[in-house]
Each structure stands twice: as structure tokens, then as C-alpha cells.
Amino acid sequence: MGERRVFIGECKERPVEVAMKRNRKQSEIAREFGINGNMLARWKREMKQDL
């Protein structure tokens, strides 16, 4: 099994910002940043809760 990667705040903020501003598929944005689409969805959800 692969190593688990840990992302810090700055690494999470940019993909979420792009996903919220651009009219593109979430999967495309996730692939661009080298992350899983489900992870991007979770980060978006978490950041909305923090507001």
C-alpha cells in the first residue's frame, strides 16, 4: 500500500479556491493538483463549515 500524504492548509486552499471560482469539473481540477476528487470535495465541505 502507498504512503499516506499529509496536506497543510496552504496546499488545500489553492485547489479549493480554483474549484469554487472556475466553471470546470471537480475531477479535472483535482487531477491538475495531483489529488483525488473526493479529497477536493471534502476540503471544500470543510472550508464551507469553517466560514
PDB file of N, CA and C in Angstrom:
ATOM      1  N   MET A   1       0.834  -1.177   0.000  1.00  0.00           N
ATOM      2  CA  MET A   1       0.000   0.000   0.000  1.00  0.00           C
ATOM      3  C   MET A   1       0.879   1.242   0.000  1.00  0.00           C
ATOM      4  N   GLY A   2       0.436   2.324  -0.643  1.00  0.00           N
ATOM      5  CA  GLY A   2       1.228   3.546  -0.743  1.00  0.00           C
ATOM      6  C   GLY A   2       1.252   4.332   0.552  1.00  0.00           C
ATOM      7  N   GLU A   3       2.189   5.261   0.600  1.00  0.00           N
ATOM      8  CA  GLU A   3       2.297   6.122   1.766  1.00  0.00           C
ATOM      9  C   GLU A   3       1.152   7.114   1.791  1.00  0.00           C
ATOM     10  N   ARG A   4       0.696   7.446   2.953  1.00  0.00           N
ATOM     11  CA  ARG A   4      -0.363   8.435   3.108  1.00  0.00           C
ATOM     12  C   ARG A   4       0.265   9.820   3.083  1.00  0.00           C
ATOM     13  N   ARG A   5      -0.277  10.688   2.221  1.00  0.00           N
ATOM     14  CA  ARG A   5       0.247  12.043   2.121  1.00  0.00           C
ATOM     15  C   ARG A   5      -0.513  12.958   3.067  1.00  0.00           C
ATOM     16  N   VAL A   6       0.186  13.929   3.617  1.00  0.00           N
ATOM     17  CA  VAL A   6      -0.419  14.893   4.521  1.00  0.00           C
ATOM     18  C   VAL A   6      -0.324  16.267   3.867  1.00  0.00           C
ATOM     19  N   PHE A   7      -1.457  16.962   3.829  1.00  0.00           N
ATOM     20  CA  PHE A   7      -1.506  18.279   3.209  1.00  0.00           C
ATOM     21  C   PHE A   7      -1.738  19.323   4.290  1.00  0.00           C
ATOM     22  N   ILE A   8      -0.988  20.415   4.204  1.00  0.00           N
ATOM     23  CA  ILE A   8      -1.175  21.507   5.154  1.00  0.00           C
ATOM     24  C   ILE A   8      -2.119  22.541   4.543  1.00  0.00           C
ATOM     25  N   GLY A   9      -2.555  23.491   5.335  1.00  0.00           N
ATOM     26  CA  GLY A   9      -3.550  24.475   4.936  1.00  0.00           C
ATOM     27  C   GLY A   9      -3.328  25.116   3.583  1.00  0.00           C
ATOM     28  N   GLU A  10      -2.120  25.600   3.321  1.00  0.00           N
ATOM     29  CA  GLU A  10      -1.833  26.276   2.063  1.00  0.00           C
ATOM     30  C   GLU A  10      -2.057  25.366   0.869  1.00  0.00           C
ATOM     31  N   CYS A  11      -1.713  24.118   1.008  1.00  0.00           N
ATOM     32  CA  CYS A  11      -1.869  23.156  -0.088  1.00  0.00           C
ATOM     33  C   CYS A  11      -3.335  22.843  -0.345  1.00  0.00           C
ATOM     34  N   LYS A  12      -4.179  23.041   0.642  1.00  0.00           N
ATOM     35  CA  LYS A  12      -5.603  22.783   0.495  1.00  0.00           C
ATOM     36  C   LYS A  12      -6.335  23.995  -0.072  1.00  0.00           C
ATOM     37  N   GLU A  13      -5.901  25.179   0.332  1.00  0.00           N
ATOM     38  CA  GLU A  13      -6.618  26.392  -0.029  1.00  0.00           C
ATOM     39  C   GLU A  13      -6.653  26.654  -1.527  1.00  0.00           C
ATOM     40  N   ARG A  14      -5.545  26.494  -2.199  1.00  0.00           N
ATOM     41  CA  ARG A  14      -5.476  26.815  -3.627  1.00  0.00           C
ATOM     42  C   ARG A  14      -6.408  25.947  -4.474  1.00  0.00           C
ATOM     43  N   PRO A  15      -6.391  24.620  -4.349  1.00  0.00           N
ATOM     44  CA  PRO A  15      -7.322  23.822  -5.153  1.00  0.00           C
ATOM     45  C   PRO A  15      -8.787  24.146  -4.858  1.00  0.00           C
ATOM     46  N   VAL A  16      -9.117  24.403  -3.594  1.00  0.00           N
ATOM     47  CA  VAL A  16     -10.495  24.734  -3.235  1.00  0.00           C
ATOM     48  C   VAL A  16     -10.888  26.071  -3.856  1.00  0.00           C
ATOM     49  N   GLU A  17      -9.989  27.031  -3.794  1.00  0.00           N
ATOM     50  CA  GLU A  17     -10.246  28.345  -4.393  1.00  0.00           C
ATOM     51  C   GLU A  17     -10.512  28.215  -5.889  1.00  0.00           C
ATOM     52  N   VAL A  18      -9.690  27.451  -6.580  1.00  0.00           N
ATOM     53  CA  VAL A  18      -9.861  27.238  -8.016  1.00  0.00           C
ATOM     54  C   VAL A  18     -11.185  26.534  -8.295  1.00  0.00           C
ATOM     55  N   ALA A  19     -11.514  25.537  -7.497  1.00  0.00           N
ATOM     56  CA  ALA A  19     -12.750  24.773  -7.707  1.00  0.00           C
ATOM     57  C   ALA A  19     -13.985  25.643  -7.515  1.00  0.00           C
ATOM     58  N   MET A  20     -13.918  26.591  -6.612  1.00  0.00           N
ATOM     59  CA  MET A  20     -15.073  27.431  -6.339  1.00  0.00           C
ATOM     60  C   MET A  20     -15.223  28.563  -7.360  1.00  0.00           C
ATOM     61  N   LYS A  21     -14.138  28.998  -7.960  1.00  0.00           N
ATOM     62  CA  LYS A  21     -14.183  30.132  -8.877  1.00  0.00           C
ATOM     63  C   LYS A  21     -14.353  29.743 -10.334  1.00  0.00           C
ATOM     64  N   ARG A  22     -13.873  28.593 -10.704  1.00  0.00           N
ATOM     65  CA  ARG A  22     -13.863  28.226 -12.124  1.00  0.00           C
ATOM     66  C   ARG A  22     -15.000  27.285 -12.459  1.00  0.00           C
ATOM     67  N   ASN A  23     -15.463  27.392 -13.678  1.00  0.00           N
ATOM     68  CA  ASN A  23     -16.555  26.548 -14.151  1.00  0.00           C
ATOM     69  C   ASN A  23     -15.968  25.320 -14.843  1.00  0.00           C
ATOM     70  N   ARG A  24     -15.321  24.467 -14.059  1.00  0.00           N
ATOM     71  CA  ARG A  24     -14.722  23.232 -14.573  1.00  0.00           C
ATOM     72  C   ARG A  24     -15.100  22.085 -13.672  1.00  0.00           C
ATOM     73  N   LYS A  25     -14.956  20.893 -14.201  1.00  0.00           N
ATOM     74  CA  LYS A  25     -15.267  19.709 -13.409  1.00  0.00           C
ATOM     75  C   LYS A  25     -14.291  19.587 -12.248  1.00  0.00           C
ATOM     76  N   GLN A  26     -14.825  19.164 -11.134  1.00  0.00           N
ATOM     77  CA  GLN A  26     -14.013  18.981  -9.937  1.00  0.00           C
ATOM     78  C   GLN A  26     -12.904  17.961 -10.180  1.00  0.00           C
ATOM     79  N   SER A  27     -13.219  16.925 -10.943  1.00  0.00           N
ATOM     80  CA  SER A  27     -12.221  15.888 -11.217  1.00  0.00           C
ATOM     81  C   SER A  27     -11.043  16.442 -12.019  1.00  0.00           C
ATOM     82  N   GLU A  28     -11.307  17.372 -12.929  1.00  0.00           N
ATOM     83  CA  GLU A  28     -10.229  17.988 -13.716  1.00  0.00           C
ATOM     84  C   GLU A  28      -9.312  18.808 -12.812  1.00  0.00           C
ATOM     85  N   ILE A  29      -9.911  19.575 -11.934  1.00  0.00           N
ATOM     86  CA  ILE A  29      -9.129  20.412 -11.022  1.00  0.00           C
ATOM     87  C   ILE A  29      -8.303  19.545 -10.081  1.00  0.00           C
ATOM     88  N   ALA A  30      -8.908  18.490  -9.561  1.00  0.00           N
ATOM     89  CA  ALA A  30      -8.189  17.581  -8.663  1.00  0.00           C
ATOM     90  C   ALA A  30      -6.997  16.960  -9.386  1.00  0.00           C
ATOM     91  N   ARG A  31      -7.211  16.513 -10.607  1.00  0.00           N
ATOM     92  CA  ARG A  31      -6.126  15.905 -11.383  1.00  0.00           C
ATOM     93  C   ARG A  31      -5.003  16.915 -11.618  1.00  0.00           C
ATOM     94  N   GLU A  32      -5.369  18.155 -11.900  1.00  0.00           N
ATOM     95  CA  GLU A  32      -4.383  19.220 -12.124  1.00  0.00           C
ATOM     96  C   GLU A  32      -3.479  19.420 -10.905  1.00  0.00           C
ATOM     97  N   PHE A  33      -4.062  19.278  -9.710  1.00  0.00           N
ATOM     98  CA  PHE A  33      -3.302  19.463  -8.479  1.00  0.00           C
ATOM     99  C   PHE A  33      -2.734  18.161  -7.925  1.00  0.00           C
ATOM    100  N   GLY A  34      -3.004  17.051  -8.601  1.00  0.00           N
ATOM    101  CA  GLY A  34      -2.452  15.766  -8.187  1.00  0.00           C
ATOM    102  C   GLY A  34      -3.106  15.179  -6.953  1.00  0.00           C
ATOM    103  N   ILE A  35      -4.405  15.468  -6.788  1.00  0.00           N
ATOM    104  CA  ILE A  35      -5.128  14.933  -5.644  1.00  0.00           C
ATOM    105  C   ILE A  35      -6.359  14.172  -6.130  1.00  0.00           C
ATOM    106  N   ASN A  36      -6.977  13.437  -5.231  1.00  0.00           N
ATOM    107  CA  ASN A  36      -8.186  12.688  -5.544  1.00  0.00           C
ATOM    108  C   ASN A  36      -9.386  13.630  -5.520  1.00  0.00           C
ATOM    109  N   GLY A  37     -10.337  13.425  -6.426  1.00  0.00           N
ATOM    110  CA  GLY A  37     -11.535  14.262  -6.494  1.00  0.00           C
ATOM    111  C   GLY A  37     -12.337  14.250  -5.211  1.00  0.00           C
ATOM    112  N   ASN A  38     -12.385  13.097  -4.537  1.00  0.00           N
ATOM    113  CA  ASN A  38     -13.108  13.010  -3.264  1.00  0.00           C
ATOM    114  C   ASN A  38     -12.446  13.850  -2.182  1.00  0.00           C
ATOM    115  N   MET A  39     -11.131  13.933  -2.232  1.00  0.00           N
ATOM    116  CA  MET A  39     -10.411  14.741  -1.254  1.00  0.00           C
ATOM    117  C   MET A  39     -10.730  16.221  -1.469  1.00  0.00           C
ATOM    118  N   LEU A  40     -10.767  16.639  -2.726  1.00  0.00           N
ATOM    119  CA  LEU A  40     -11.100  18.027  -3.031  1.00  0.00           C
ATOM    120  C   LEU A  40     -12.512  18.348  -2.542  1.00  0.00           C
ATOM    121  N   ALA A  41     -13.446  17.449  -2.747  1.00  0.00           N
ATOM    122  CA  ALA A  41     -14.819  17.653  -2.276  1.00  0.00           C
ATOM    123  C   ALA A  41     -14.859  17.788  -0.751  1.00  0.00           C
ATOM    124  N   ARG A  42     -14.082  16.958  -0.067  1.00  0.00           N
ATOM    125  CA  ARG A  42     -14.039  17.021   1.393  1.00  0.00           C
ATOM    126  C   ARG A  42     -13.451  18.352   1.871  1.00  0.00           C
ATOM    127  N   TRP A  43     -12.378  18.788   1.219  1.00  0.00           N
ATOM    128  CA  TRP A  43     -11.766  20.067   1.592  1.00  0.00           C
ATOM    129  C   TRP A  43     -12.744  21.216   1.394  1.00  0.00           C
ATOM    130  N   LYS A  44     -13.486  21.184   0.291  1.00  0.00           N
ATOM    131  CA  LYS A  44     -14.484  22.228   0.039  1.00  0.00           C
ATOM    132  C   LYS A  44     -15.529  22.248   1.151  1.00  0.00           C
ATOM    133  N   ARG A  45     -16.012  21.064   1.514  1.00  0.00           N
ATOM    134  CA  ARG A  45     -17.008  20.945   2.568  1.00  0.00           C
ATOM    135  C   ARG A  45     -16.463  21.474   3.896  1.00  0.00           C
ATOM    136  N   GLU A  46     -15.234  21.109   4.222  1.00  0.00           N
ATOM    137  CA  GLU A  46     -14.624  21.550   5.482  1.00  0.00           C
ATOM    138  C   GLU A  46     -14.448  23.058   5.513  1.00  0.00           C
ATOM    139  N   MET A  47     -14.037  23.633   4.398  1.00  0.00           N
ATOM    140  CA  MET A  47     -13.815  25.079   4.373  1.00  0.00           C
ATOM    141  C   MET A  47     -15.124  25.852   4.441  1.00  0.00           C
ATOM    142  N   LYS A  48     -16.187  25.299   3.884  1.00  0.00           N
ATOM    143  CA  LYS A  48     -17.506  25.951   3.982  1.00  0.00           C
ATOM    144  C   LYS A  48     -17.987  25.921   5.424  1.00  0.00           C
ATOM    145  N   GLN A  49     -17.707  24.839   6.145  1.00  0.00           N
ATOM    146  CA  GLN A  49     -18.117  24.726   7.539  1.00  0.00           C
ATOM    147  C   GLN A  49     -17.359  25.724   8.415  1.00  0.00           C
ATOM    148  N   ASP A  50     -16.116  26.017   8.054  1.00  0.00           N
ATOM    149  CA  ASP A  50     -15.298  26.935   8.843  1.00  0.00           C
ATOM    150  C   ASP A  50     -15.736  28.386   8.696  1.00  0.00           C
ATOM    151  N   LEU A  51     -16.495  28.680   7.643  1.00  0.00           N
ATOM    152  CA  LEU A  51     -16.933  30.069   7.414  1.00  0.00           C
ATOM    153  C   LEU A  51     -17.989  30.486   8.362  1.00  0.00           C
TER     154      LEU A  51
END
